[in-house]
Amino acid sequence: MWLEHVDLQANGDTSSIDGTTEEECLMSCANDLSCLGISVDMNDNPLKCLSHAGSEDFGSDRMDNQAGTKSYQLIMRCSPDGS
């Protein structure tokens, strides 16, 4: 389950993750236990996805206004069986 922040860039320690679509980036993060969220710059072609390992990256004092960017904070990770 994700909390979506539109036109906001989360800041902090990041690393690039594989994904050519927004959905692929979200799945890549969901499958990485160290990933707590992603930032996606929809202005980049190809799409650029950054993973965040710190929940503090999504604090109001760590978010910057940036048109065309979405940040997704992982709220709950589901198990492989969907529970």
PDB file of N, CA and C in Angstrom:
ATOM      1  N   MET A   1       0.851  -1.168   0.000  1.00  0.00           N
ATOM      2  CA  MET A   1       0.000   0.000   0.000  1.00  0.00           C
ATOM      3  C   MET A   1       0.900   1.236   0.000  1.00  0.00           C
ATOM      4  N   TRP A   2       0.564   2.208  -0.842  1.00  0.00           N
ATOM      5  CA  TRP A   2       1.412   3.378  -1.053  1.00  0.00           C
ATOM      6  C   TRP A   2       0.683   4.667  -0.702  1.00  0.00           C
ATOM      7  N   LEU A   3       1.422   5.622  -0.161  1.00  0.00           N
ATOM      8  CA  LEU A   3       0.947   6.991   0.009  1.00  0.00           C
ATOM      9  C   LEU A   3       1.621   7.802  -1.089  1.00  0.00           C
ATOM     10  N   GLU A   4       0.812   8.397  -1.984  1.00  0.00           N
ATOM     11  CA  GLU A   4       1.339   9.117  -3.142  1.00  0.00           C
ATOM     12  C   GLU A   4       1.428  10.610  -2.855  1.00  0.00           C
ATOM     13  N   HIS A   5       2.574  11.186  -3.178  1.00  0.00           N
ATOM     14  CA  HIS A   5       2.807  12.629  -3.053  1.00  0.00           C
ATOM     15  C   HIS A   5       3.040  13.163  -4.468  1.00  0.00           C
ATOM     16  N   VAL A   6       2.112  13.958  -4.991  1.00  0.00           N
ATOM     17  CA  VAL A   6       2.196  14.461  -6.363  1.00  0.00           C
ATOM     18  C   VAL A   6       2.896  15.816  -6.374  1.00  0.00           C
ATOM     19  N   ASP A   7       3.788  15.996  -7.329  1.00  0.00           N
ATOM     20  CA  ASP A   7       4.575  17.216  -7.498  1.00  0.00           C
ATOM     21  C   ASP A   7       5.453  17.519  -6.288  1.00  0.00           C
ATOM     22  N   LEU A   8       5.853  16.450  -5.595  1.00  0.00           N
ATOM     23  CA  LEU A   8       6.761  16.573  -4.452  1.00  0.00           C
ATOM     24  C   LEU A   8       7.883  15.557  -4.599  1.00  0.00           C
ATOM     25  N   GLN A   9       9.108  16.014  -4.415  1.00  0.00           N
ATOM     26  CA  GLN A   9      10.302  15.174  -4.493  1.00  0.00           C
ATOM     27  C   GLN A   9      10.787  14.884  -3.078  1.00  0.00           C
ATOM     28  N   ALA A  10      10.804  13.608  -2.693  1.00  0.00           N
ATOM     29  CA  ALA A  10      11.363  13.212  -1.404  1.00  0.00           C
ATOM     30  C   ALA A  10      12.882  13.319  -1.491  1.00  0.00           C
ATOM     31  N   ASN A  11      13.515  13.733  -0.414  1.00  0.00           N
ATOM     32  CA  ASN A  11      14.968  13.914  -0.393  1.00  0.00           C
ATOM     33  C   ASN A  11      15.596  13.040   0.676  1.00  0.00           C
ATOM     34  N   GLY A  12      16.790  12.602   0.412  1.00  0.00           N
ATOM     35  CA  GLY A  12      17.531  11.771   1.351  1.00  0.00           C
ATOM     36  C   GLY A  12      18.459  10.854   0.584  1.00  0.00           C
ATOM     37  N   ASP A  13      18.926   9.822   1.255  1.00  0.00           N
ATOM     38  CA  ASP A  13      19.801   8.846   0.607  1.00  0.00           C
ATOM     39  C   ASP A  13      18.983   8.017  -0.364  1.00  0.00           C
ATOM     40  N   THR A  14      19.393   8.032  -1.618  1.00  0.00           N
ATOM     41  CA  THR A  14      18.664   7.307  -2.647  1.00  0.00           C
ATOM     42  C   THR A  14      19.609   6.457  -3.468  1.00  0.00           C
ATOM     43  N   SER A  15      19.028   5.535  -4.192  1.00  0.00           N
ATOM     44  CA  SER A  15      19.768   4.776  -5.193  1.00  0.00           C
ATOM     45  C   SER A  15      18.833   4.546  -6.372  1.00  0.00           C
ATOM     46  N   SER A  16      19.404   4.454  -7.553  1.00  0.00           N
ATOM     47  CA  SER A  16      18.603   4.215  -8.753  1.00  0.00           C
ATOM     48  C   SER A  16      18.065   2.792  -8.722  1.00  0.00           C
ATOM     49  N   ILE A  17      16.840   2.637  -9.209  1.00  0.00           N
ATOM     50  CA  ILE A  17      16.269   1.301  -9.314  1.00  0.00           C
ATOM     51  C   ILE A  17      15.789   1.078 -10.736  1.00  0.00           C
ATOM     52  N   ASP A  18      15.717  -0.193 -11.108  1.00  0.00           N
ATOM     53  CA  ASP A  18      15.282  -0.549 -12.449  1.00  0.00           C
ATOM     54  C   ASP A  18      13.788  -0.336 -12.593  1.00  0.00           C
ATOM     55  N   GLY A  19      13.414   0.095 -13.755  1.00  0.00           N
ATOM     56  CA  GLY A  19      12.009   0.247 -14.079  1.00  0.00           C
ATOM     57  C   GLY A  19      11.849   1.204 -15.237  1.00  0.00           C
ATOM     58  N   THR A  20      11.058   0.793 -16.205  1.00  0.00           N
ATOM     59  CA  THR A  20      10.810   1.656 -17.346  1.00  0.00           C
ATOM     60  C   THR A  20       9.428   2.287 -17.263  1.00  0.00           C
ATOM     61  N   THR A  21       8.622   1.821 -16.312  1.00  0.00           N
ATOM     62  CA  THR A  21       7.307   2.406 -16.081  1.00  0.00           C
ATOM     63  C   THR A  21       7.159   2.683 -14.591  1.00  0.00           C
ATOM     64  N   GLU A  22       6.202   3.505 -14.262  1.00  0.00           N
ATOM     65  CA  GLU A  22       5.929   3.809 -12.860  1.00  0.00           C
ATOM     66  C   GLU A  22       5.603   2.523 -12.088  1.00  0.00           C
ATOM     67  N   GLU A  23       4.796   1.664 -12.695  1.00  0.00           N
ATOM     68  CA  GLU A  23       4.401   0.402 -12.058  1.00  0.00           C
ATOM     69  C   GLU A  23       5.611  -0.500 -11.815  1.00  0.00           C
ATOM     70  N   GLU A  24       6.523  -0.582 -12.766  1.00  0.00           N
ATOM     71  CA  GLU A  24       7.726  -1.408 -12.593  1.00  0.00           C
ATOM     72  C   GLU A  24       8.590  -0.875 -11.452  1.00  0.00           C
ATOM     73  N   CYS A  25       8.678   0.437 -11.338  1.00  0.00           N
ATOM     74  CA  CYS A  25       9.455   1.037 -10.245  1.00  0.00           C
ATOM     75  C   CYS A  25       8.826   0.696  -8.893  1.00  0.00           C
ATOM     76  N   LEU A  26       7.509   0.780  -8.811  1.00  0.00           N
ATOM     77  CA  LEU A  26       6.805   0.445  -7.569  1.00  0.00           C
ATOM     78  C   LEU A  26       7.015  -1.021  -7.213  1.00  0.00           C
ATOM     79  N   MET A  27       6.940  -1.906  -8.204  1.00  0.00           N
ATOM     80  CA  MET A  27       7.136  -3.342  -7.947  1.00  0.00           C
ATOM     81  C   MET A  27       8.573  -3.634  -7.524  1.00  0.00           C
ATOM     82  N   SER A  28       9.533  -2.948  -8.133  1.00  0.00           N
ATOM     83  CA  SER A  28      10.935  -3.138  -7.765  1.00  0.00           C
ATOM     84  C   SER A  28      11.150  -2.784  -6.300  1.00  0.00           C
ATOM     85  N   CYS A  29      10.558  -1.683  -5.866  1.00  0.00           N
ATOM     86  CA  CYS A  29      10.673  -1.268  -4.466  1.00  0.00           C
ATOM     87  C   CYS A  29       9.959  -2.257  -3.552  1.00  0.00           C
ATOM     88  N   ALA A  30       8.764  -2.662  -3.932  1.00  0.00           N
ATOM     89  CA  ALA A  30       7.987  -3.592  -3.099  1.00  0.00           C
ATOM     90  C   ALA A  30       8.721  -4.911  -2.885  1.00  0.00           C
ATOM     91  N   ASN A  31       9.546  -5.304  -3.851  1.00  0.00           N
ATOM     92  CA  ASN A  31      10.284  -6.565  -3.758  1.00  0.00           C
ATOM     93  C   ASN A  31      11.628  -6.428  -3.059  1.00  0.00           C
ATOM     94  N   ASP A  32      11.984  -5.221  -2.641  1.00  0.00           N
ATOM     95  CA  ASP A  32      13.254  -4.954  -1.958  1.00  0.00           C
ATOM     96  C   ASP A  32      12.943  -4.544  -0.514  1.00  0.00           C
ATOM     97  N   LEU A  33      13.260  -5.386   0.436  1.00  0.00           N
ATOM     98  CA  LEU A  33      12.902  -5.135   1.836  1.00  0.00           C
ATOM     99  C   LEU A  33      13.550  -3.879   2.407  1.00  0.00           C
ATOM    100  N   SER A  34      14.631  -3.393   1.793  1.00  0.00           N
ATOM    101  CA  SER A  34      15.269  -2.177   2.303  1.00  0.00           C
ATOM    102  C   SER A  34      14.627  -0.905   1.734  1.00  0.00           C
ATOM    103  N   CYS A  35      13.765  -1.052   0.743  1.00  0.00           N
ATOM    104  CA  CYS A  35      13.141   0.096   0.088  1.00  0.00           C
ATOM    105  C   CYS A  35      11.871   0.498   0.841  1.00  0.00           C
ATOM    106  N   LEU A  36      11.814   1.772   1.233  1.00  0.00           N
ATOM    107  CA  LEU A  36      10.642   2.284   1.954  1.00  0.00           C
ATOM    108  C   LEU A  36       9.837   3.267   1.117  1.00  0.00           C
ATOM    109  N   GLY A  37      10.270   3.503  -0.113  1.00  0.00           N
ATOM    110  CA  GLY A  37       9.540   4.386  -1.001  1.00  0.00           C
ATOM    111  C   GLY A  37      10.373   4.730  -2.215  1.00  0.00           C
ATOM    112  N   ILE A  38       9.713   5.403  -3.175  1.00  0.00           N
ATOM    113  CA  ILE A  38      10.404   5.805  -4.395  1.00  0.00           C
ATOM    114  C   ILE A  38      10.024   7.224  -4.787  1.00  0.00           C
ATOM    115  N   SER A  39      10.879   7.819  -5.577  1.00  0.00           N
ATOM    116  CA  SER A  39      10.584   9.076  -6.253  1.00  0.00           C
ATOM    117  C   SER A  39      10.717   8.809  -7.742  1.00  0.00           C
ATOM    118  N   VAL A  40       9.752   9.323  -8.510  1.00  0.00           N
ATOM    119  CA  VAL A  40       9.731   9.123  -9.949  1.00  0.00           C
ATOM    120  C   VAL A  40       9.636  10.489 -10.610  1.00  0.00           C
ATOM    121  N   ASP A  41      10.587  10.809 -11.469  1.00  0.00           N
ATOM    122  CA  ASP A  41      10.530  12.058 -12.215  1.00  0.00           C
ATOM    123  C   ASP A  41       9.902  11.769 -13.560  1.00  0.00           C
ATOM    124  N   MET A  42       8.629  12.148 -13.709  1.00  0.00           N
ATOM    125  CA  MET A  42       7.876  11.881 -14.922  1.00  0.00           C
ATOM    126  C   MET A  42       8.363  12.749 -16.089  1.00  0.00           C
ATOM    127  N   ASN A  43       9.206  13.755 -15.803  1.00  0.00           N
ATOM    128  CA  ASN A  43       9.753  14.626 -16.852  1.00  0.00           C
ATOM    129  C   ASN A  43      10.905  13.966 -17.588  1.00  0.00           C
ATOM    130  N   ASP A  44      11.531  12.962 -16.982  1.00  0.00           N
ATOM    131  CA  ASP A  44      12.684  12.300 -17.587  1.00  0.00           C
ATOM    132  C   ASP A  44      12.246  11.245 -18.600  1.00  0.00           C
ATOM    133  N   ASN A  45      12.992  11.156 -19.676  1.00  0.00           N
ATOM    134  CA  ASN A  45      12.757  10.122 -20.668  1.00  0.00           C
ATOM    135  C   ASN A  45      14.118   9.540 -21.040  1.00  0.00           C
ATOM    136  N   PRO A  46      14.449   8.333 -20.639  1.00  0.00           N
ATOM    137  CA  PRO A  46      13.555   7.393 -19.976  1.00  0.00           C
ATOM    138  C   PRO A  46      13.276   7.776 -18.519  1.00  0.00           C
ATOM    139  N   LEU A  47      12.236   7.177 -17.985  1.00  0.00           N
ATOM    140  CA  LEU A  47      11.797   7.425 -16.622  1.00  0.00           C
ATOM    141  C   LEU A  47      12.943   7.183 -15.640  1.00  0.00           C
ATOM    142  N   LYS A  48      13.068   8.043 -14.637  1.00  0.00           N
ATOM    143  CA  LYS A  48      14.108   7.896 -13.620  1.00  0.00           C
ATOM    144  C   LYS A  48      13.437   7.594 -12.291  1.00  0.00           C
ATOM    145  N   CYS A  49      13.827   6.488 -11.677  1.00  0.00           N
ATOM    146  CA  CYS A  49      13.267   6.075 -10.389  1.00  0.00           C
ATOM    147  C   CYS A  49      14.374   6.014  -9.343  1.00  0.00           C
ATOM    148  N   LEU A  50      14.100   6.561  -8.184  1.00  0.00           N
ATOM    149  CA  LEU A  50      15.031   6.520  -7.065  1.00  0.00           C
ATOM    150  C   LEU A  50      14.364   5.843  -5.886  1.00  0.00           C
ATOM    151  N   SER A  51      15.058   4.922  -5.251  1.00  0.00           N
ATOM    152  CA  SER A  51      14.519   4.271  -4.060  1.00  0.00           C
ATOM    153  C   SER A  51      14.990   5.014  -2.817  1.00  0.00           C
ATOM    154  N   HIS A  52      14.165   4.976  -1.795  1.00  0.00           N
ATOM    155  CA  HIS A  52      14.478   5.603  -0.510  1.00  0.00           C
ATOM    156  C   HIS A  52      14.492   4.522   0.568  1.00  0.00           C
ATOM    157  N   ALA A  53      15.537   4.531   1.388  1.00  0.00           N
ATOM    158  CA  ALA A  53      15.658   3.551   2.464  1.00  0.00           C
ATOM    159  C   ALA A  53      15.290   4.142   3.816  1.00  0.00           C
ATOM    160  N   GLY A  54      14.999   5.452   3.884  1.00  0.00           N
ATOM    161  CA  GLY A  54      14.672   6.096   5.148  1.00  0.00           C
ATOM    162  C   GLY A  54      13.275   6.696   5.130  1.00  0.00           C
ATOM    163  N   SER A  55      12.473   6.367   6.118  1.00  0.00           N
ATOM    164  CA  SER A  55      11.123   6.924   6.183  1.00  0.00           C
ATOM    165  C   SER A  55      11.158   8.431   6.410  1.00  0.00           C
ATOM    166  N   GLU A  56      12.249   8.928   6.998  1.00  0.00           N
ATOM    167  CA  GLU A  56      12.369  10.366   7.237  1.00  0.00           C
ATOM    168  C   GLU A  56      12.463  11.154   5.924  1.00  0.00           C
ATOM    169  N   ASP A  57      12.780  10.487   4.814  1.00  0.00           N
ATOM    170  CA  ASP A  57      12.853  11.157   3.516  1.00  0.00           C
ATOM    171  C   ASP A  57      11.512  11.756   3.109  1.00  0.00           C
ATOM    172  N   PHE A  58      10.424  11.259   3.698  1.00  0.00           N
ATOM    173  CA  PHE A  58       9.084  11.672   3.315  1.00  0.00           C
ATOM    174  C   PHE A  58       8.466  12.670   4.299  1.00  0.00           C
ATOM    175  N   GLY A  59       9.258  13.170   5.241  1.00  0.00           N
ATOM    176  CA  GLY A  59       8.783  14.184   6.173  1.00  0.00           C
ATOM    177  C   GLY A  59       8.551  15.503   5.453  1.00  0.00           C
ATOM    178  N   SER A  60       7.631  16.305   5.951  1.00  0.00           N
ATOM    179  CA  SER A  60       7.291  17.568   5.283  1.00  0.00           C
ATOM    180  C   SER A  60       8.495  18.490   5.146  1.00  0.00           C
ATOM    181  N   ASP A  61       9.461  18.366   6.053  1.00  0.00           N
ATOM    182  CA  ASP A  61      10.660  19.200   5.974  1.00  0.00           C
ATOM    183  C   ASP A  61      11.684  18.660   4.974  1.00  0.00           C
ATOM    184  N   ARG A  62      11.430  17.483   4.405  1.00  0.00           N
ATOM    185  CA  ARG A  62      12.366  16.850   3.466  1.00  0.00           C
ATOM    186  C   ARG A  62      11.802  16.745   2.048  1.00  0.00           C
ATOM    187  N   MET A  63      10.608  17.320   1.819  1.00  0.00           N
ATOM    188  CA  MET A  63       9.961  17.236   0.510  1.00  0.00           C
ATOM    189  C   MET A  63      10.066  18.587  -0.191  1.00  0.00           C
ATOM    190  N   ASP A  64      10.440  18.553  -1.466  1.00  0.00           N
ATOM    191  CA  ASP A  64      10.552  19.773  -2.271  1.00  0.00           C
ATOM    192  C   ASP A  64       9.479  19.771  -3.351  1.00  0.00           C
ATOM    193  N   ASN A  65       8.894  20.938  -3.611  1.00  0.00           N
ATOM    194  CA  ASN A  65       7.959  21.077  -4.725  1.00  0.00           C
ATOM    195  C   ASN A  65       8.719  20.890  -6.024  1.00  0.00           C
ATOM    196  N   GLN A  66       8.225  19.995  -6.858  1.00  0.00           N
ATOM    197  CA  GLN A  66       8.833  19.774  -8.165  1.00  0.00           C
ATOM    198  C   GLN A  66       7.762  19.239  -9.104  1.00  0.00           C
ATOM    199  N   ALA A  67       7.315  20.081 -10.021  1.00  0.00           N
ATOM    200  CA  ALA A  67       6.274  19.690 -10.961  1.00  0.00           C
ATOM    201  C   ALA A  67       6.697  18.467 -11.760  1.00  0.00           C
ATOM    202  N   GLY A  68       5.779  17.531 -11.925  1.00  0.00           N
ATOM    203  CA  GLY A  68       6.050  16.338 -12.714  1.00  0.00           C
ATOM    204  C   GLY A  68       6.703  15.213 -11.950  1.00  0.00           C
ATOM    205  N   THR A  69       6.909  15.393 -10.663  1.00  0.00           N
ATOM    206  CA  THR A  69       7.525  14.357  -9.836  1.00  0.00           C
ATOM    207  C   THR A  69       6.476  13.738  -8.918  1.00  0.00           C
ATOM    208  N   LYS A  70       6.601  12.450  -8.721  1.00  0.00           N
ATOM    209  CA  LYS A  70       5.748  11.756  -7.760  1.00  0.00           C
ATOM    210  C   LYS A  70       6.651  11.014  -6.789  1.00  0.00           C
ATOM    211  N   SER A  71       6.293  11.059  -5.530  1.00  0.00           N
ATOM    212  CA  SER A  71       6.981  10.266  -4.522  1.00  0.00           C
ATOM    213  C   SER A  71       5.959   9.341  -3.889  1.00  0.00           C
ATOM    214  N   TYR A  72       6.349   8.107  -3.718  1.00  0.00           N
ATOM    215  CA  TYR A  72       5.474   7.097  -3.134  1.00  0.00           C
ATOM    216  C   TYR A  72       6.125   6.572  -1.861  1.00  0.00           C
ATOM    217  N   GLN A  73       5.422   6.668  -0.765  1.00  0.00           N
ATOM    218  CA  GLN A  73       5.906   6.153   0.510  1.00  0.00           C
ATOM    219  C   GLN A  73       5.208   4.828   0.780  1.00  0.00           C
ATOM    220  N   LEU A  74       5.990   3.785   1.033  1.00  0.00           N
ATOM    221  CA  LEU A  74       5.444   2.479   1.332  1.00  0.00           C
ATOM    222  C   LEU A  74       4.839   2.478   2.728  1.00  0.00           C
ATOM    223  N   ILE A  75       3.538   2.247   2.796  1.00  0.00           N
ATOM    224  CA  ILE A  75       2.823   2.260   4.068  1.00  0.00           C
ATOM    225  C   ILE A  75       2.705   0.845   4.644  1.00  0.00           C
ATOM    226  N   MET A  76       2.458  -0.125   3.759  1.00  0.00           N
ATOM    227  CA  MET A  76       2.325  -1.504   4.212  1.00  0.00           C
ATOM    228  C   MET A  76       2.802  -2.426   3.092  1.00  0.00           C
ATOM    229  N   ARG A  77       3.625  -3.384   3.448  1.00  0.00           N
ATOM    230  CA  ARG A  77       4.142  -4.365   2.486  1.00  0.00           C
ATOM    231  C   ARG A  77       3.309  -5.648   2.621  1.00  0.00           C
ATOM    232  N   CYS A  78       2.777  -6.121   1.505  1.00  0.00           N
ATOM    233  CA  CYS A  78       1.988  -7.355   1.502  1.00  0.00           C
ATOM    234  C   CYS A  78       2.914  -8.548   1.319  1.00  0.00           C
ATOM    235  N   SER A  79       2.493  -9.681   1.822  1.00  0.00           N
ATOM    236  CA  SER A  79       3.266 -10.906   1.631  1.00  0.00           C
ATOM    237  C   SER A  79       3.014 -11.420   0.226  1.00  0.00           C
ATOM    238  N   PRO A  80       3.867 -12.313  -0.257  1.00  0.00           N
ATOM    239  CA  PRO A  80       3.707 -12.842  -1.627  1.00  0.00           C
ATOM    240  C   PRO A  80       2.343 -13.485  -1.880  1.00  0.00           C
ATOM    241  N   ASP A  81       1.687 -13.996  -0.833  1.00  0.00           N
ATOM    242  CA  ASP A  81       0.378 -14.610  -1.038  1.00  0.00           C
ATOM    243  C   ASP A  81      -0.758 -13.594  -0.985  1.00  0.00           C
ATOM    244  N   GLY A  82      -0.410 -12.298  -0.863  1.00  0.00           N
ATOM    245  CA  GLY A  82      -1.415 -11.237  -0.882  1.00  0.00           C
ATOM    246  C   GLY A  82      -1.997 -10.875   0.461  1.00  0.00           C
ATOM    247  N   SER A  83      -1.524 -11.517   1.521  1.00  0.00           N
ATOM    248  CA  SER A  83      -2.077 -11.208   2.853  1.00  0.00           C
ATOM    249  C   SER A  83      -1.344 -10.061   3.514  1.00  0.00           C
TER     250      SER A  83
END
